Amino acid sequence: MKKLLAIVVLGLLLSGNAYGKVGKGNLQMSEDILKYFIEYLRNVLIAISNRKYELFFAIVISFTLLIVSSTFMYLLEAEAQPEAFGSILRCMWWAAAALTTVGYGDVYPITFFGKAFAIISAFSSIGIVALPAGILAGSFTEKFRKKNK
């Protein structure tokens, strides 16, 4: 809640506050809030930098899964739905929506094997797509543990 309030206050102060006036006290408060956000941004960049190899590996795995899922779905569904799954690039739309668990519902498999593969693909992607969040969480935990010692 404190962070949300800081964001709102910063927005008001940077836009000249609600009344269009910027006073000395408002500028000091906005400077403090800006320092607060810069510190958090620095922590995020350090966390990414500390785990860049693990994050790169997770991204490579995600893209590999995207390409494999797209290719298999093309092979399984292209004949039944050429307008939706007529090329591997069209299948990438389905794969990206399915693997990130967005699932728009505009394109979906209709054959038995297509549906079976979609289930397997969706279940396997849950952990793969969530992997970068876990890697960054581990980096933040490590940083705060070192800070508190």
Protein backbone atom coordinates (compact mmCIF):
# COMPACT_ATOMS: atom_id res chain seq x y z
CA MET A 1 0.00 0.00 0.00
CA LYS A 2 2.89 2.32 0.81
CA LYS A 3 4.39 1.74 -2.63
CA LEU A 4 1.07 2.40 -4.37
CA LEU A 5 0.69 5.65 -2.47
CA ALA A 6 4.24 6.63 -3.41
CA ILE A 7 3.49 5.99 -7.09
CA VAL A 8 0.34 8.12 -6.94
CA VAL A 9 2.13 10.93 -5.10
CA LEU A 10 5.04 10.80 -7.55
CA GLY A 11 2.65 11.02 -10.48
CA LEU A 12 0.91 14.03 -8.97
CA LEU A 13 4.16 15.75 -8.14
CA LEU A 14 5.72 15.16 -11.54
CA SER A 15 2.60 16.47 -13.23
CA GLY A 16 2.66 19.64 -11.11
CA ASN A 17 0.33 18.16 -8.43
CA ALA A 18 -3.45 18.32 -8.48
CA TYR A 19 -3.60 22.12 -8.35
CA GLY A 20 -0.84 22.87 -10.84
CA LYS A 21 1.50 24.24 -8.16
CA VAL A 22 4.93 22.93 -7.31
CA GLY A 23 6.29 24.10 -3.99
CA LYS A 24 9.65 23.55 -2.30
CA GLY A 25 8.20 20.90 0.04
CA ASN A 26 6.64 19.02 -2.86
CA LEU A 27 9.93 18.97 -4.73
CA GLN A 28 11.77 17.58 -1.69
CA MET A 29 9.13 14.87 -1.25
CA SER A 30 9.29 13.96 -4.95
CA GLU A 31 13.07 13.79 -4.73
CA ASP A 32 12.82 11.36 -1.78
CA ILE A 33 10.28 9.23 -3.63
CA LEU A 34 12.48 9.21 -6.73
CA LYS A 35 15.44 8.02 -4.63
CA TYR A 36 13.20 5.25 -3.24
CA PHE A 37 12.26 4.04 -6.73
CA ILE A 38 15.83 4.30 -8.02
CA GLU A 39 16.95 2.05 -5.16
CA TYR A 40 14.32 -0.55 -6.07
CA LEU A 41 15.21 -0.34 -9.75
CA ARG A 42 18.87 -0.86 -8.84
CA ASN A 43 17.90 -3.97 -6.83
CA VAL A 44 15.99 -5.39 -9.81
CA LEU A 45 18.89 -4.75 -12.19
CA ILE A 46 21.36 -6.34 -9.76
CA ALA A 47 19.07 -9.39 -9.38
CA ILE A 48 18.90 -9.77 -13.18
CA SER A 49 22.65 -9.30 -13.51
CA ASN A 50 23.41 -11.86 -10.79
CA ARG A 51 21.28 -14.51 -12.50
CA LYS A 52 21.79 -13.61 -16.16
CA TYR A 53 23.01 -17.06 -17.19
CA GLU A 54 20.12 -18.86 -15.50
CA LEU A 55 17.64 -16.39 -17.03
CA PHE A 56 19.19 -16.83 -20.47
CA PHE A 57 18.91 -20.60 -20.13
CA ALA A 58 15.25 -20.31 -19.08
CA ILE A 59 14.53 -18.09 -22.09
CA VAL A 60 16.23 -20.56 -24.43
CA ILE A 61 14.15 -23.40 -22.98
CA SER A 62 10.97 -21.33 -23.38
CA PHE A 63 11.69 -20.51 -27.02
CA THR A 64 12.60 -24.13 -27.72
CA LEU A 65 9.30 -25.25 -26.21
CA LEU A 66 7.49 -22.62 -28.30
CA ILE A 67 9.05 -23.89 -31.53
CA VAL A 68 8.53 -27.56 -30.70
CA SER A 69 4.90 -26.98 -29.70
CA SER A 70 4.24 -24.95 -32.84
CA THR A 71 5.77 -27.59 -35.07
CA PHE A 72 3.87 -30.47 -33.49
CA MET A 73 0.60 -28.57 -33.55
CA TYR A 74 1.16 -27.79 -37.23
CA LEU A 75 1.68 -31.49 -37.94
CA LEU A 76 -1.40 -32.48 -35.92
CA GLU A 77 -3.90 -29.76 -36.88
CA ALA A 78 -2.91 -28.29 -40.28
CA GLU A 79 -5.19 -30.55 -42.31
CA ALA A 80 -8.20 -30.12 -40.03
CA GLN A 81 -7.86 -26.33 -39.66
CA PRO A 82 -5.70 -24.84 -42.42
CA GLU A 83 -6.90 -21.28 -41.68
CA ALA A 84 -5.82 -21.46 -38.03
CA PHE A 85 -2.90 -23.91 -38.12
CA GLY A 86 -1.85 -23.68 -41.78
CA SER A 87 1.77 -22.74 -41.07
CA ILE A 88 4.22 -23.02 -38.22
CA LEU A 89 4.12 -19.24 -37.80
CA ARG A 90 0.34 -19.35 -37.36
CA CYS A 91 0.79 -22.16 -34.86
CA MET A 92 3.20 -19.95 -32.90
CA TRP A 93 0.26 -17.66 -32.07
CA TRP A 94 -1.55 -20.61 -30.49
CA ALA A 95 1.63 -21.83 -28.78
CA ALA A 96 2.48 -18.43 -27.32
CA ALA A 97 -1.06 -18.02 -25.96
CA ALA A 98 -1.16 -21.58 -24.62
CA LEU A 99 2.37 -21.71 -23.16
CA THR A 100 1.97 -18.44 -21.29
CA THR A 101 -1.44 -19.62 -20.02
CA VAL A 102 -3.18 -16.63 -21.59
CA GLY A 103 -5.34 -18.84 -23.79
CA TYR A 104 -7.37 -16.34 -25.82
CA GLY A 105 -9.61 -19.07 -27.21
CA ASP A 106 -9.59 -17.72 -30.74
CA VAL A 107 -7.55 -20.68 -32.03
CA TYR A 108 -7.80 -24.14 -30.50
CA PRO A 109 -7.26 -27.74 -31.64
CA ILE A 110 -10.23 -29.85 -32.73
CA THR A 111 -8.64 -33.23 -33.45
CA PHE A 112 -8.11 -35.83 -30.72
CA PHE A 113 -4.31 -35.84 -31.07
CA GLY A 114 -4.23 -32.04 -31.27
CA LYS A 115 -6.20 -31.76 -28.04
CA ALA A 116 -4.04 -34.39 -26.32
CA PHE A 117 -0.86 -32.57 -27.37
CA ALA A 118 -2.33 -29.23 -26.24
CA ILE A 119 -2.92 -30.67 -22.76
CA ILE A 120 0.61 -32.04 -22.52
CA SER A 121 2.05 -28.81 -23.88
CA ALA A 122 0.08 -26.64 -21.45
CA PHE A 123 1.07 -28.70 -18.42
CA SER A 124 4.74 -28.75 -19.39
CA SER A 125 4.78 -25.01 -20.00
CA ILE A 126 3.50 -23.98 -16.58
CA GLY A 127 6.83 -24.69 -14.90
CA ILE A 128 8.95 -23.51 -17.80
CA VAL A 129 7.31 -20.10 -18.11
CA ALA A 130 7.32 -19.60 -14.33
CA LEU A 131 11.03 -20.46 -14.13
CA PRO A 132 12.34 -16.87 -14.58
CA ALA A 133 10.14 -15.63 -11.73
CA GLY A 134 11.61 -18.28 -9.43
CA ILE A 135 15.15 -17.43 -10.51
CA LEU A 136 14.63 -13.73 -9.78
CA ALA A 137 12.92 -14.50 -6.46
CA GLY A 138 15.93 -16.57 -5.44
CA SER A 139 18.24 -13.70 -6.35
CA PHE A 140 16.19 -11.21 -4.31
CA THR A 141 16.14 -13.58 -1.34
CA GLU A 142 19.91 -13.98 -1.52
CA LYS A 143 20.43 -10.19 -1.71
CA PHE A 144 18.17 -9.45 1.26
CA ARG A 145 19.73 -12.26 3.29
CA LYS A 146 23.19 -10.74 2.70
CA LYS A 147 21.86 -7.26 3.51
CA ASN A 148 20.42 -8.39 6.86
CA LYS A 149 23.65 -10.07 8.02
